[in-house]
Amino acid sequence: MTSNKNTSNKLTLLIDLQYFPSIPYIKELAKADHIVLEAQETFQKQTYRNRCEILTANGKEVLIVPIVHGSSGFIKDIKIDYSQRWFQIHDRTLRAAYGKSPFFDFIMDDISAVFAQKNVYLWDLNYSMLTLCLEKLTLNKEISESNSYIMPDELPENVIDRRGKINPQTNPSQGQIGREKYHQVFGNEFVMNLSVLDLLFCAVLDSPQILR
C-alpha cells in the first residue's frame, strides 16, 4: 500500500483526497497516527474530490472545481479547467461568506495564495489545501500516498479504510452533534457536515475539542 516501512504498528487511515474536506473527514484524520491518501483510484464524479460545502447568507452552497474531461480518469491525471474563472468565484464567495468571521484573517490570505498558484492537477491543489488546513488546525500527521491499490479485505488490521465513505450522500446526522457545535456566521440552526473551512473561520481555537 505504501512504501513507508515504519507504520506497521500505527493506526493508519486510508482515505481519498478531497477538496477542502468536510469536518467529519478531518475528524477521521485526527484519530489516526498515519494517513495514506489513495493515489491509485479513478476519479469519482459527484463526490468531494472536486467540491466542498460552505455556509453563506443564502444557506449551504457548493463550490466545485471544474475538471478537464477526456483524460485517463486516473485521479492524479485529472487536470483543472481554467477556462472557467472558478478560483476567482471561490475566493470571492469565501470572502463574502466568512469576511466577518473571527478568524478570517488567520487563513484567507493563505487560501488565496494557493489559488494563485494555479495548480495544473486537481491532486496537487487538494494536497496543498489539505496540508494548509492541517497546519492551521495544528494537526501534525504523517502523510503518504498509496503506491498500489489494495482491496478492502486484503488490508492490514491496523488500517482503517475510509475510501469513498465520506461523500455528499453521507447521512448528515452522522456529523457533528451536541457539544461539538460552535457559533456559525449565518442562521440560527447549526448546519452540520460543512467543509473544515467553516470550522477554521469560525472556531479554530475550539477545534481540538470539536475534532476529538
N, C-alpha and C. Protein backbone atom coordinates (compact mmCIF):
# COMPACT_ATOMS: atom_id res chain seq x y z
N MET A 1 0.82 -1.21 0.00
CA MET A 1 0.00 0.00 0.00
C MET A 1 0.85 1.26 0.00
N THR A 2 1.84 1.28 0.85
CA THR A 2 2.72 2.44 0.91
C THR A 2 4.14 1.98 1.16
N SER A 3 5.10 2.77 0.69
CA SER A 3 6.50 2.40 0.85
C SER A 3 7.04 2.71 2.22
N ASN A 4 6.29 3.40 3.07
CA ASN A 4 6.73 3.72 4.41
C ASN A 4 6.74 2.44 5.25
N LYS A 5 7.91 2.04 5.76
CA LYS A 5 8.06 0.78 6.47
C LYS A 5 7.92 0.94 7.98
N ASN A 6 7.66 2.16 8.44
CA ASN A 6 7.62 2.40 9.88
C ASN A 6 6.21 2.60 10.41
N THR A 7 5.20 2.12 9.67
CA THR A 7 3.81 2.38 10.05
C THR A 7 3.06 1.13 10.48
N SER A 8 3.75 -0.01 10.55
CA SER A 8 3.05 -1.28 10.80
C SER A 8 2.36 -1.32 12.15
N ASN A 9 2.89 -0.62 13.14
CA ASN A 9 2.30 -0.65 14.48
C ASN A 9 1.47 0.59 14.78
N LYS A 10 1.25 1.41 13.79
CA LYS A 10 0.49 2.63 13.98
C LYS A 10 -0.91 2.50 13.38
N LEU A 11 -1.84 3.26 13.93
CA LEU A 11 -3.19 3.28 13.37
C LEU A 11 -3.15 4.11 12.09
N THR A 12 -3.39 3.43 10.98
CA THR A 12 -3.29 4.07 9.67
C THR A 12 -4.67 4.28 9.07
N LEU A 13 -4.89 5.46 8.52
CA LEU A 13 -6.14 5.78 7.84
C LEU A 13 -5.89 5.83 6.34
N LEU A 14 -6.62 5.03 5.59
CA LEU A 14 -6.56 5.04 4.12
C LEU A 14 -7.80 5.77 3.62
N ILE A 15 -7.59 6.86 2.89
CA ILE A 15 -8.73 7.71 2.54
C ILE A 15 -8.46 8.43 1.22
N ASP A 16 -9.52 8.81 0.53
CA ASP A 16 -9.39 9.56 -0.71
C ASP A 16 -9.07 11.02 -0.40
N LEU A 17 -8.43 11.69 -1.34
CA LEU A 17 -8.05 13.10 -1.17
C LEU A 17 -9.17 13.98 -1.68
N GLN A 18 -9.61 14.93 -0.84
CA GLN A 18 -10.77 15.76 -1.18
C GLN A 18 -10.41 17.24 -1.19
N TYR A 19 -11.30 18.03 -1.78
CA TYR A 19 -11.13 19.48 -1.87
C TYR A 19 -11.75 20.14 -0.65
N PHE A 20 -10.94 20.82 0.16
CA PHE A 20 -11.42 21.40 1.42
C PHE A 20 -12.37 20.43 2.11
N PRO A 21 -11.85 19.34 2.64
CA PRO A 21 -12.69 18.24 3.17
C PRO A 21 -13.67 18.70 4.23
N SER A 22 -14.68 17.87 4.43
CA SER A 22 -15.69 18.16 5.45
C SER A 22 -15.12 17.93 6.84
N ILE A 23 -15.79 18.45 7.85
CA ILE A 23 -15.35 18.28 9.23
C ILE A 23 -15.32 16.80 9.62
N PRO A 24 -16.32 15.97 9.25
CA PRO A 24 -16.22 14.53 9.55
C PRO A 24 -14.96 13.89 8.96
N TYR A 25 -14.54 14.32 7.79
CA TYR A 25 -13.30 13.82 7.17
C TYR A 25 -12.10 14.17 8.05
N ILE A 26 -12.03 15.42 8.49
CA ILE A 26 -10.91 15.86 9.31
C ILE A 26 -10.92 15.14 10.66
N LYS A 27 -12.12 14.85 11.18
CA LYS A 27 -12.20 14.10 12.44
C LYS A 27 -11.59 12.71 12.28
N GLU A 28 -11.77 12.10 11.12
CA GLU A 28 -11.16 10.79 10.86
C GLU A 28 -9.64 10.92 10.84
N LEU A 29 -9.13 11.97 10.21
CA LEU A 29 -7.70 12.18 10.15
C LEU A 29 -7.11 12.41 11.54
N ALA A 30 -7.88 13.11 12.38
CA ALA A 30 -7.38 13.44 13.73
C ALA A 30 -7.16 12.20 14.58
N LYS A 31 -7.91 11.13 14.31
CA LYS A 31 -7.81 9.91 15.10
C LYS A 31 -6.58 9.07 14.74
N ALA A 32 -6.08 9.24 13.54
CA ALA A 32 -5.05 8.35 13.02
C ALA A 32 -3.64 8.83 13.33
N ASP A 33 -2.71 7.87 13.40
CA ASP A 33 -1.30 8.19 13.54
C ASP A 33 -0.68 8.50 12.18
N HIS A 34 -1.14 7.76 11.19
CA HIS A 34 -0.57 7.89 9.85
C HIS A 34 -1.71 7.92 8.84
N ILE A 35 -1.58 8.79 7.85
CA ILE A 35 -2.61 8.95 6.82
C ILE A 35 -2.04 8.55 5.47
N VAL A 36 -2.75 7.64 4.80
CA VAL A 36 -2.37 7.25 3.45
C VAL A 36 -3.45 7.74 2.50
N LEU A 37 -3.08 8.59 1.58
CA LEU A 37 -4.02 9.11 0.59
C LEU A 37 -4.06 8.15 -0.60
N GLU A 38 -5.27 7.74 -0.97
CA GLU A 38 -5.42 6.78 -2.06
C GLU A 38 -5.10 7.47 -3.39
N ALA A 39 -3.92 7.14 -3.93
CA ALA A 39 -3.46 7.76 -5.16
C ALA A 39 -3.60 6.85 -6.38
N GLN A 40 -4.21 5.68 -6.18
CA GLN A 40 -4.30 4.69 -7.25
C GLN A 40 -5.73 4.45 -7.73
N GLU A 41 -6.63 5.36 -7.39
CA GLU A 41 -8.02 5.20 -7.78
C GLU A 41 -8.34 6.00 -9.04
N THR A 42 -9.52 5.76 -9.58
CA THR A 42 -10.02 6.59 -10.67
C THR A 42 -10.88 7.70 -10.09
N PHE A 43 -11.01 8.78 -10.84
CA PHE A 43 -11.79 9.92 -10.37
C PHE A 43 -13.27 9.55 -10.27
N GLN A 44 -13.89 9.91 -9.16
CA GLN A 44 -15.30 9.62 -8.93
C GLN A 44 -16.11 10.91 -9.02
N LYS A 45 -17.11 10.92 -9.89
CA LYS A 45 -17.95 12.11 -10.05
C LYS A 45 -18.90 12.27 -8.87
N GLN A 46 -19.40 13.49 -8.71
CA GLN A 46 -20.39 13.81 -7.68
C GLN A 46 -19.88 13.47 -6.28
N THR A 47 -18.59 13.71 -6.03
CA THR A 47 -18.02 13.47 -4.71
C THR A 47 -17.28 14.72 -4.26
N TYR A 48 -16.71 14.65 -3.06
CA TYR A 48 -15.97 15.79 -2.52
C TYR A 48 -14.56 15.89 -3.09
N ARG A 49 -14.21 15.07 -4.06
CA ARG A 49 -12.87 15.15 -4.63
C ARG A 49 -12.66 16.48 -5.34
N ASN A 50 -13.72 17.07 -5.86
CA ASN A 50 -13.57 18.38 -6.50
C ASN A 50 -14.66 19.36 -6.07
N ARG A 51 -15.17 19.18 -4.85
CA ARG A 51 -16.19 20.11 -4.36
C ARG A 51 -16.19 20.15 -2.84
N CYS A 52 -16.74 21.24 -2.32
CA CYS A 52 -16.91 21.36 -0.87
C CYS A 52 -18.19 22.16 -0.61
N GLU A 53 -18.65 22.11 0.63
CA GLU A 53 -19.87 22.81 1.01
C GLU A 53 -19.58 23.81 2.12
N ILE A 54 -19.99 25.04 1.91
CA ILE A 54 -19.80 26.09 2.90
C ILE A 54 -21.15 26.72 3.24
N LEU A 55 -21.15 27.58 4.25
CA LEU A 55 -22.38 28.25 4.66
C LEU A 55 -22.32 29.72 4.28
N THR A 56 -23.33 30.18 3.53
CA THR A 56 -23.41 31.58 3.11
C THR A 56 -24.70 32.20 3.64
N ALA A 57 -24.91 33.46 3.31
CA ALA A 57 -26.12 34.14 3.75
C ALA A 57 -27.36 33.49 3.16
N ASN A 58 -27.20 32.77 2.06
CA ASN A 58 -28.32 32.09 1.40
C ASN A 58 -28.41 30.61 1.77
N GLY A 59 -27.66 30.20 2.77
CA GLY A 59 -27.67 28.81 3.19
C GLY A 59 -26.45 28.07 2.68
N LYS A 60 -26.56 26.75 2.64
CA LYS A 60 -25.44 25.91 2.20
C LYS A 60 -25.18 26.12 0.71
N GLU A 61 -23.91 26.28 0.36
CA GLU A 61 -23.53 26.46 -1.04
C GLU A 61 -22.39 25.52 -1.39
N VAL A 62 -22.46 24.96 -2.60
CA VAL A 62 -21.44 24.03 -3.07
C VAL A 62 -20.46 24.76 -3.98
N LEU A 63 -19.17 24.61 -3.68
CA LEU A 63 -18.12 25.15 -4.54
C LEU A 63 -17.51 23.98 -5.30
N ILE A 64 -17.47 24.08 -6.62
CA ILE A 64 -16.99 22.98 -7.46
C ILE A 64 -15.78 23.42 -8.27
N VAL A 65 -14.74 22.59 -8.27
CA VAL A 65 -13.57 22.82 -9.12
C VAL A 65 -13.83 22.09 -10.44
N PRO A 66 -13.98 22.81 -11.55
CA PRO A 66 -14.24 22.14 -12.83
C PRO A 66 -13.00 21.42 -13.32
N ILE A 67 -13.20 20.28 -13.95
CA ILE A 67 -12.07 19.49 -14.43
C ILE A 67 -12.12 19.35 -15.94
N VAL A 68 -10.96 19.06 -16.51
CA VAL A 68 -10.85 18.83 -17.95
C VAL A 68 -11.23 17.38 -18.22
N HIS A 69 -12.21 17.17 -19.05
CA HIS A 69 -12.66 15.81 -19.34
C HIS A 69 -11.87 15.22 -20.52
N GLY A 70 -11.85 13.91 -20.58
CA GLY A 70 -11.18 13.25 -21.68
C GLY A 70 -9.83 12.66 -21.33
N SER A 71 -9.38 12.82 -20.09
CA SER A 71 -8.10 12.22 -19.68
C SER A 71 -8.33 10.77 -19.28
N SER A 72 -7.31 10.14 -18.71
CA SER A 72 -7.38 8.71 -18.41
C SER A 72 -8.39 8.38 -17.31
N GLY A 73 -8.70 9.35 -16.48
CA GLY A 73 -9.60 9.09 -15.36
C GLY A 73 -8.85 8.75 -14.10
N PHE A 74 -7.55 8.44 -14.20
CA PHE A 74 -6.72 8.18 -13.05
C PHE A 74 -6.64 9.45 -12.21
N ILE A 75 -6.83 9.34 -10.90
CA ILE A 75 -7.01 10.51 -10.05
C ILE A 75 -5.88 11.53 -10.17
N LYS A 76 -4.65 11.08 -10.33
CA LYS A 76 -3.53 12.01 -10.39
C LYS A 76 -3.33 12.61 -11.78
N ASP A 77 -4.13 12.15 -12.75
CA ASP A 77 -4.07 12.70 -14.11
C ASP A 77 -5.16 13.74 -14.35
N ILE A 78 -6.04 13.95 -13.40
CA ILE A 78 -7.16 14.86 -13.59
C ILE A 78 -6.68 16.31 -13.56
N LYS A 79 -6.90 17.00 -14.67
CA LYS A 79 -6.48 18.40 -14.78
C LYS A 79 -7.64 19.35 -14.45
N ILE A 80 -7.28 20.50 -13.94
CA ILE A 80 -8.26 21.53 -13.60
C ILE A 80 -8.57 22.36 -14.82
N ASP A 81 -9.83 22.70 -15.02
CA ASP A 81 -10.26 23.51 -16.16
C ASP A 81 -10.20 24.99 -15.80
N TYR A 82 -9.18 25.67 -16.32
CA TYR A 82 -9.03 27.10 -16.05
C TYR A 82 -9.66 27.97 -17.11
N SER A 83 -10.40 27.36 -18.04
CA SER A 83 -11.17 28.17 -18.98
C SER A 83 -12.34 28.82 -18.26
N GLN A 84 -12.68 28.26 -17.10
CA GLN A 84 -13.69 28.85 -16.23
C GLN A 84 -12.97 29.57 -15.08
N ARG A 85 -13.50 30.70 -14.65
CA ARG A 85 -12.86 31.50 -13.61
C ARG A 85 -13.31 31.04 -12.23
N TRP A 86 -13.28 29.75 -12.03
CA TRP A 86 -13.80 29.17 -10.78
C TRP A 86 -13.04 29.65 -9.56
N PHE A 87 -11.71 29.78 -9.67
CA PHE A 87 -10.91 30.13 -8.50
C PHE A 87 -11.22 31.55 -8.01
N GLN A 88 -11.56 32.43 -8.95
CA GLN A 88 -11.97 33.78 -8.56
C GLN A 88 -13.33 33.74 -7.87
N ILE A 89 -14.21 32.88 -8.38
CA ILE A 89 -15.53 32.73 -7.76
C ILE A 89 -15.41 32.15 -6.36
N HIS A 90 -14.57 31.14 -6.20
CA HIS A 90 -14.38 30.53 -4.89
C HIS A 90 -13.79 31.54 -3.91
N ASP A 91 -12.79 32.27 -4.35
CA ASP A 91 -12.15 33.27 -3.49
C ASP A 91 -13.16 34.33 -3.07
N ARG A 92 -13.92 34.83 -4.02
CA ARG A 92 -14.91 35.86 -3.74
C ARG A 92 -16.02 35.35 -2.83
N THR A 93 -16.46 34.12 -3.08
CA THR A 93 -17.53 33.54 -2.27
C THR A 93 -17.09 33.34 -0.83
N LEU A 94 -15.87 32.85 -0.64
CA LEU A 94 -15.36 32.66 0.72
C LEU A 94 -15.23 33.98 1.46
N ARG A 95 -14.80 35.01 0.76
CA ARG A 95 -14.67 36.33 1.39
C ARG A 95 -16.03 36.89 1.79
N ALA A 96 -17.04 36.66 0.93
CA ALA A 96 -18.39 37.15 1.25
C ALA A 96 -19.00 36.36 2.40
N ALA A 97 -18.75 35.05 2.42
CA ALA A 97 -19.36 34.19 3.43
C ALA A 97 -18.70 34.34 4.80
N TYR A 98 -17.38 34.50 4.81
CA TYR A 98 -16.66 34.45 6.09
C TYR A 98 -15.87 35.71 6.42
N GLY A 99 -16.10 36.78 5.65
CA GLY A 99 -15.36 38.02 5.88
C GLY A 99 -15.53 38.59 7.28
N LYS A 100 -16.66 38.30 7.93
CA LYS A 100 -16.90 38.80 9.27
C LYS A 100 -16.69 37.74 10.35
N SER A 101 -16.15 36.59 9.96
CA SER A 101 -15.89 35.53 10.94
C SER A 101 -14.67 35.90 11.79
N PRO A 102 -14.57 35.35 13.00
CA PRO A 102 -13.49 35.71 13.93
C PRO A 102 -12.08 35.45 13.42
N PHE A 103 -11.91 34.41 12.60
CA PHE A 103 -10.57 34.02 12.20
C PHE A 103 -10.34 34.12 10.69
N PHE A 104 -11.08 35.02 10.07
CA PHE A 104 -10.97 35.21 8.62
C PHE A 104 -9.53 35.54 8.22
N ASP A 105 -8.91 36.48 8.92
CA ASP A 105 -7.56 36.90 8.57
C ASP A 105 -6.52 35.82 8.84
N PHE A 106 -6.88 34.84 9.65
CA PHE A 106 -5.96 33.78 10.03
C PHE A 106 -5.67 32.83 8.89
N ILE A 107 -6.58 32.74 7.92
CA ILE A 107 -6.41 31.74 6.86
C ILE A 107 -6.66 32.24 5.44
N MET A 108 -7.46 33.29 5.25
CA MET A 108 -7.91 33.63 3.90
C MET A 108 -6.76 33.98 2.96
N ASP A 109 -5.79 34.74 3.42
CA ASP A 109 -4.69 35.11 2.54
C ASP A 109 -3.90 33.89 2.08
N ASP A 110 -3.77 32.90 2.96
CA ASP A 110 -3.06 31.68 2.58
C ASP A 110 -3.84 30.88 1.55
N ILE A 111 -5.16 30.86 1.68
CA ILE A 111 -6.00 30.18 0.69
C ILE A 111 -5.86 30.87 -0.67
N SER A 112 -5.93 32.19 -0.67
CA SER A 112 -5.81 32.95 -1.92
C SER A 112 -4.46 32.68 -2.58
N ALA A 113 -3.42 32.53 -1.75
CA ALA A 113 -2.09 32.27 -2.29
C ALA A 113 -2.02 30.92 -3.00
N VAL A 114 -2.73 29.92 -2.47
CA VAL A 114 -2.77 28.61 -3.13
C VAL A 114 -3.55 28.72 -4.43
N PHE A 115 -4.68 29.42 -4.42
CA PHE A 115 -5.43 29.63 -5.66
C PHE A 115 -4.53 30.26 -6.73
N ALA A 116 -3.72 31.23 -6.31
CA ALA A 116 -2.87 31.97 -7.25
C ALA A 116 -1.82 31.09 -7.91
N GLN A 117 -1.50 29.95 -7.29
CA GLN A 117 -0.52 29.04 -7.87
C GLN A 117 -1.03 28.37 -9.15
N LYS A 118 -2.34 28.30 -9.29
CA LYS A 118 -2.97 27.68 -10.46
C LYS A 118 -2.40 26.29 -10.75
N ASN A 119 -2.53 25.43 -9.77
CA ASN A 119 -2.08 24.04 -9.96
C ASN A 119 -2.72 23.44 -11.20
N VAL A 120 -1.95 22.72 -11.96
CA VAL A 120 -2.46 22.07 -13.18
C VAL A 120 -3.37 20.91 -12.81
N TYR A 121 -2.97 20.16 -11.79
CA TYR A 121 -3.69 18.94 -11.45
C TYR A 121 -4.52 19.11 -10.18
N LEU A 122 -5.69 18.50 -10.18
CA LEU A 122 -6.59 18.55 -9.04
C LEU A 122 -5.92 17.96 -7.80
N TRP A 123 -5.16 16.89 -7.97
CA TRP A 123 -4.50 16.25 -6.84
C TRP A 123 -3.60 17.24 -6.11
N ASP A 124 -2.82 18.01 -6.87
CA ASP A 124 -1.88 18.95 -6.26
C ASP A 124 -2.61 20.08 -5.54
N LEU A 125 -3.69 20.55 -6.12
CA LEU A 125 -4.49 21.58 -5.45
C LEU A 125 -5.05 21.05 -4.14
N ASN A 126 -5.65 19.87 -4.19
CA ASN A 126 -6.25 19.28 -2.99
C ASN A 126 -5.21 19.02 -1.91
N TYR A 127 -4.04 18.55 -2.31
CA TYR A 127 -2.99 18.27 -1.34
C TYR A 127 -2.52 19.56 -0.67
N SER A 128 -2.36 20.60 -1.45
CA SER A 128 -1.93 21.89 -0.90
C SER A 128 -2.95 22.42 0.09
N MET A 129 -4.23 22.32 -0.26
CA MET A 129 -5.27 22.82 0.63
C MET A 129 -5.39 21.97 1.89
N LEU A 130 -5.23 20.65 1.75
CA LEU A 130 -5.31 19.78 2.92
C LEU A 130 -4.18 20.08 3.90
N THR A 131 -2.96 20.18 3.40
CA THR A 131 -1.83 20.45 4.29
C THR A 131 -1.95 21.82 4.93
N LEU A 132 -2.50 22.78 4.22
CA LEU A 132 -2.73 24.11 4.81
C LEU A 132 -3.73 24.03 5.95
N CYS A 133 -4.83 23.31 5.73
CA CYS A 133 -5.86 23.18 6.78
C CYS A 133 -5.32 22.46 8.00
N LEU A 134 -4.56 21.39 7.79
CA LEU A 134 -3.98 20.65 8.91
C LEU A 134 -3.00 21.51 9.69
N GLU A 135 -2.26 22.33 8.98
CA GLU A 135 -1.32 23.25 9.64
C GLU A 135 -2.07 24.23 10.53
N LYS A 136 -3.15 24.80 10.02
CA LYS A 136 -3.92 25.77 10.78
C LYS A 136 -4.60 25.12 11.98
N LEU A 137 -4.92 23.85 11.86
CA LEU A 137 -5.55 23.12 12.96
C LEU A 137 -4.51 22.54 13.93
N THR A 138 -3.23 22.76 13.63
CA THR A 138 -2.10 22.20 14.38
C THR A 138 -2.22 20.68 14.53
N LEU A 139 -2.64 20.03 13.46
CA LEU A 139 -2.68 18.57 13.41
C LEU A 139 -1.44 18.09 12.66
N ASN A 140 -0.48 17.62 13.40
CA ASN A 140 0.76 17.15 12.79
C ASN A 140 0.64 15.65 12.50
N LYS A 141 0.46 15.32 11.25
CA LYS A 141 0.23 13.93 10.85
C LYS A 141 1.24 13.47 9.82
N GLU A 142 1.59 12.19 9.90
CA GLU A 142 2.40 11.58 8.85
C GLU A 142 1.48 11.32 7.66
N ILE A 143 1.85 11.83 6.51
CA ILE A 143 1.02 11.65 5.32
C ILE A 143 1.86 11.05 4.19
N SER A 144 1.31 10.03 3.56
CA SER A 144 1.96 9.44 2.40
C SER A 144 0.89 9.09 1.37
N GLU A 145 1.33 8.64 0.21
CA GLU A 145 0.42 8.24 -0.85
C GLU A 145 0.53 6.74 -1.07
N SER A 146 -0.58 6.12 -1.44
CA SER A 146 -0.55 4.69 -1.76
C SER A 146 0.21 4.48 -3.07
N ASN A 147 0.93 3.38 -3.16
CA ASN A 147 1.64 3.08 -4.41
C ASN A 147 1.06 1.87 -5.13
N SER A 148 -0.01 1.32 -4.59
CA SER A 148 -0.76 0.25 -5.25
C SER A 148 -2.16 0.22 -4.66
N TYR A 149 -3.12 -0.25 -5.45
CA TYR A 149 -4.49 -0.32 -4.95
C TYR A 149 -4.72 -1.68 -4.31
N ILE A 150 -5.16 -1.65 -3.05
CA ILE A 150 -5.40 -2.89 -2.32
C ILE A 150 -6.88 -3.01 -1.99
N MET A 151 -7.46 -4.16 -2.24
CA MET A 151 -8.87 -4.39 -1.94
C MET A 151 -9.08 -4.35 -0.42
N PRO A 152 -10.27 -3.94 0.02
CA PRO A 152 -10.53 -3.80 1.46
C PRO A 152 -10.22 -5.05 2.28
N ASP A 153 -10.56 -6.22 1.76
CA ASP A 153 -10.35 -7.45 2.54
C ASP A 153 -8.89 -7.91 2.57
N GLU A 154 -8.01 -7.17 1.88
CA GLU A 154 -6.60 -7.52 1.87
C GLU A 154 -5.74 -6.54 2.66
N LEU A 155 -6.39 -5.57 3.30
CA LEU A 155 -5.65 -4.55 4.04
C LEU A 155 -5.18 -5.08 5.39
N PRO A 156 -4.05 -4.59 5.90
CA PRO A 156 -3.59 -4.98 7.24
C PRO A 156 -4.60 -4.57 8.31
N GLU A 157 -4.54 -5.24 9.45
CA GLU A 157 -5.52 -4.99 10.51
C GLU A 157 -5.43 -3.59 11.09
N ASN A 158 -4.27 -2.97 11.00
CA ASN A 158 -4.11 -1.64 11.58
C ASN A 158 -4.57 -0.52 10.65
N VAL A 159 -5.10 -0.89 9.48
CA VAL A 159 -5.53 0.12 8.50
C VAL A 159 -7.05 0.28 8.52
N ILE A 160 -7.49 1.52 8.71
CA ILE A 160 -8.92 1.86 8.65
C ILE A 160 -9.20 2.36 7.24
N ASP A 161 -10.06 1.68 6.53
CA ASP A 161 -10.37 2.02 5.15
C ASP A 161 -11.59 2.93 5.10
N ARG A 162 -11.36 4.21 4.77
CA ARG A 162 -12.47 5.17 4.65
C ARG A 162 -12.58 5.71 3.23
N ARG A 163 -12.04 5.00 2.28
CA ARG A 163 -12.12 5.43 0.89
C ARG A 163 -13.57 5.47 0.42
N GLY A 164 -13.97 6.64 -0.04
CA GLY A 164 -15.32 6.79 -0.58
C GLY A 164 -16.43 6.80 0.44
N LYS A 165 -16.10 6.74 1.72
CA LYS A 165 -17.14 6.65 2.75
C LYS A 165 -17.72 8.01 3.14
N ILE A 166 -16.94 9.07 2.95
CA ILE A 166 -17.41 10.42 3.29
C ILE A 166 -17.70 11.14 1.99
N ASN A 167 -18.96 11.32 1.68
CA ASN A 167 -19.38 11.88 0.41
C ASN A 167 -20.66 12.69 0.58
N PRO A 168 -21.11 13.40 -0.47
CA PRO A 168 -22.32 14.23 -0.34
C PRO A 168 -23.58 13.46 0.04
N GLN A 169 -23.56 12.14 -0.13
CA GLN A 169 -24.74 11.35 0.21
C GLN A 169 -24.70 10.82 1.65
N THR A 170 -23.61 11.09 2.39
CA THR A 170 -23.49 10.62 3.76
C THR A 170 -24.60 11.22 4.62
N ASN A 171 -25.18 10.43 5.50
CA ASN A 171 -26.26 10.89 6.37
C ASN A 171 -25.78 12.04 7.25
N PRO A 172 -26.37 13.25 7.12
CA PRO A 172 -25.93 14.40 7.92
C PRO A 172 -25.97 14.14 9.41
N SER A 173 -26.84 13.25 9.88
CA SER A 173 -26.96 13.01 11.31
C SER A 173 -25.71 12.34 11.87
N GLN A 174 -24.82 11.89 10.98
CA GLN A 174 -23.59 11.25 11.43
C GLN A 174 -22.46 12.25 11.61
N GLY A 175 -22.76 13.54 11.48
CA GLY A 175 -21.73 14.56 11.62
C GLY A 175 -21.64 15.08 13.03
N GLN A 176 -21.45 16.40 13.16
CA GLN A 176 -21.28 16.99 14.48
C GLN A 176 -22.60 17.07 15.23
N ILE A 177 -22.58 16.77 16.50
CA ILE A 177 -23.77 16.88 17.32
C ILE A 177 -23.41 17.41 18.70
N GLY A 178 -24.41 17.90 19.42
CA GLY A 178 -24.26 18.28 20.81
C GLY A 178 -23.12 19.23 21.09
N ARG A 179 -22.19 18.80 21.95
CA ARG A 179 -21.11 19.66 22.41
C ARG A 179 -20.17 20.07 21.28
N GLU A 180 -20.28 19.43 20.12
CA GLU A 180 -19.38 19.74 19.03
C GLU A 180 -19.85 20.95 18.21
N LYS A 181 -20.98 21.51 18.54
CA LYS A 181 -21.46 22.67 17.81
C LYS A 181 -20.66 23.91 18.19
N TYR A 182 -20.62 24.86 17.28
CA TYR A 182 -19.95 26.13 17.52
C TYR A 182 -20.76 27.23 16.83
N HIS A 183 -20.42 28.47 17.09
CA HIS A 183 -21.18 29.58 16.51
C HIS A 183 -20.79 29.77 15.05
N GLN A 184 -21.79 29.70 14.17
CA GLN A 184 -21.56 29.92 12.75
C GLN A 184 -21.99 31.33 12.36
N VAL A 185 -21.51 31.79 11.21
CA VAL A 185 -21.75 33.17 10.81
C VAL A 185 -23.21 33.43 10.50
N PHE A 186 -23.87 32.48 9.85
CA PHE A 186 -25.25 32.69 9.41
C PHE A 186 -26.20 31.67 10.03
N GLY A 187 -27.45 32.09 10.22
CA GLY A 187 -28.50 31.18 10.65
C GLY A 187 -28.58 30.97 12.14
N ASN A 188 -29.74 30.49 12.57
CA ASN A 188 -29.97 30.20 13.97
C ASN A 188 -29.81 28.72 14.30
N GLU A 189 -29.89 27.87 13.28
CA GLU A 189 -29.73 26.44 13.48
C GLU A 189 -28.38 26.00 12.94
N PHE A 190 -27.72 25.14 13.72
CA PHE A 190 -26.39 24.68 13.34
C PHE A 190 -26.46 23.80 12.09
N VAL A 191 -25.60 24.08 11.12
CA VAL A 191 -25.54 23.30 9.88
C VAL A 191 -24.36 22.34 9.98
N MET A 192 -24.64 21.05 9.88
CA MET A 192 -23.62 20.01 10.05
C MET A 192 -22.91 19.67 8.75
N ASN A 193 -21.76 19.01 8.90
CA ASN A 193 -21.04 18.40 7.80
C ASN A 193 -20.54 19.37 6.74
N LEU A 194 -20.28 20.60 7.14
CA LEU A 194 -19.72 21.56 6.19
C LEU A 194 -18.23 21.31 6.01
N SER A 195 -17.64 22.04 5.08
CA SER A 195 -16.20 21.98 4.89
C SER A 195 -15.49 22.42 6.17
N VAL A 196 -14.31 21.91 6.36
CA VAL A 196 -13.49 22.31 7.51
C VAL A 196 -13.23 23.81 7.50
N LEU A 197 -13.39 24.45 6.34
CA LEU A 197 -13.24 25.90 6.28
C LEU A 197 -14.16 26.61 7.25
N ASP A 198 -15.37 26.07 7.42
CA ASP A 198 -16.33 26.69 8.34
C ASP A 198 -15.77 26.68 9.76
N LEU A 199 -15.17 25.58 10.15
CA LEU A 199 -14.57 25.48 11.47
C LEU A 199 -13.36 26.39 11.60
N LEU A 200 -12.53 26.44 10.59
CA LEU A 200 -11.34 27.28 10.64
C LEU A 200 -11.69 28.75 10.78
N PHE A 201 -12.65 29.19 10.00
CA PHE A 201 -13.04 30.60 10.04
C PHE A 201 -13.78 30.97 11.32
N CYS A 202 -14.59 30.06 11.82
CA CYS A 202 -15.49 30.40 12.93
C CYS A 202 -14.97 30.02 14.31
N ALA A 203 -14.23 28.94 14.42
CA ALA A 203 -13.92 28.43 15.77
C ALA A 203 -12.64 27.61 15.81
N VAL A 204 -11.60 28.07 15.12
CA VAL A 204 -10.38 27.26 15.05
C VAL A 204 -9.77 27.01 16.43
N LEU A 205 -9.94 27.93 17.36
CA LEU A 205 -9.36 27.73 18.69
C LEU A 205 -10.06 26.61 19.45
N ASP A 206 -11.29 26.32 19.08
CA ASP A 206 -12.03 25.23 19.75
C ASP A 206 -11.89 23.91 18.99
N SER A 207 -11.11 23.90 17.92
CA SER A 207 -11.03 22.71 17.07
C SER A 207 -10.53 21.46 17.81
N PRO A 208 -9.61 21.56 18.78
CA PRO A 208 -9.20 20.31 19.46
C PRO A 208 -10.37 19.59 20.12
N GLN A 209 -11.29 20.33 20.73
CA GLN A 209 -12.44 19.71 21.38
C GLN A 209 -13.46 19.23 20.35
N ILE A 210 -13.63 20.00 19.29
CA ILE A 210 -14.62 19.66 18.27
C ILE A 210 -14.21 18.42 17.48
N LEU A 211 -12.93 18.30 17.22
CA LEU A 211 -12.44 17.18 16.42
C LEU A 211 -12.15 15.93 17.25
N ARG A 212 -12.22 16.04 18.56
CA ARG A 212 -11.89 14.93 19.42
C ARG A 212 -12.87 13.79 19.24
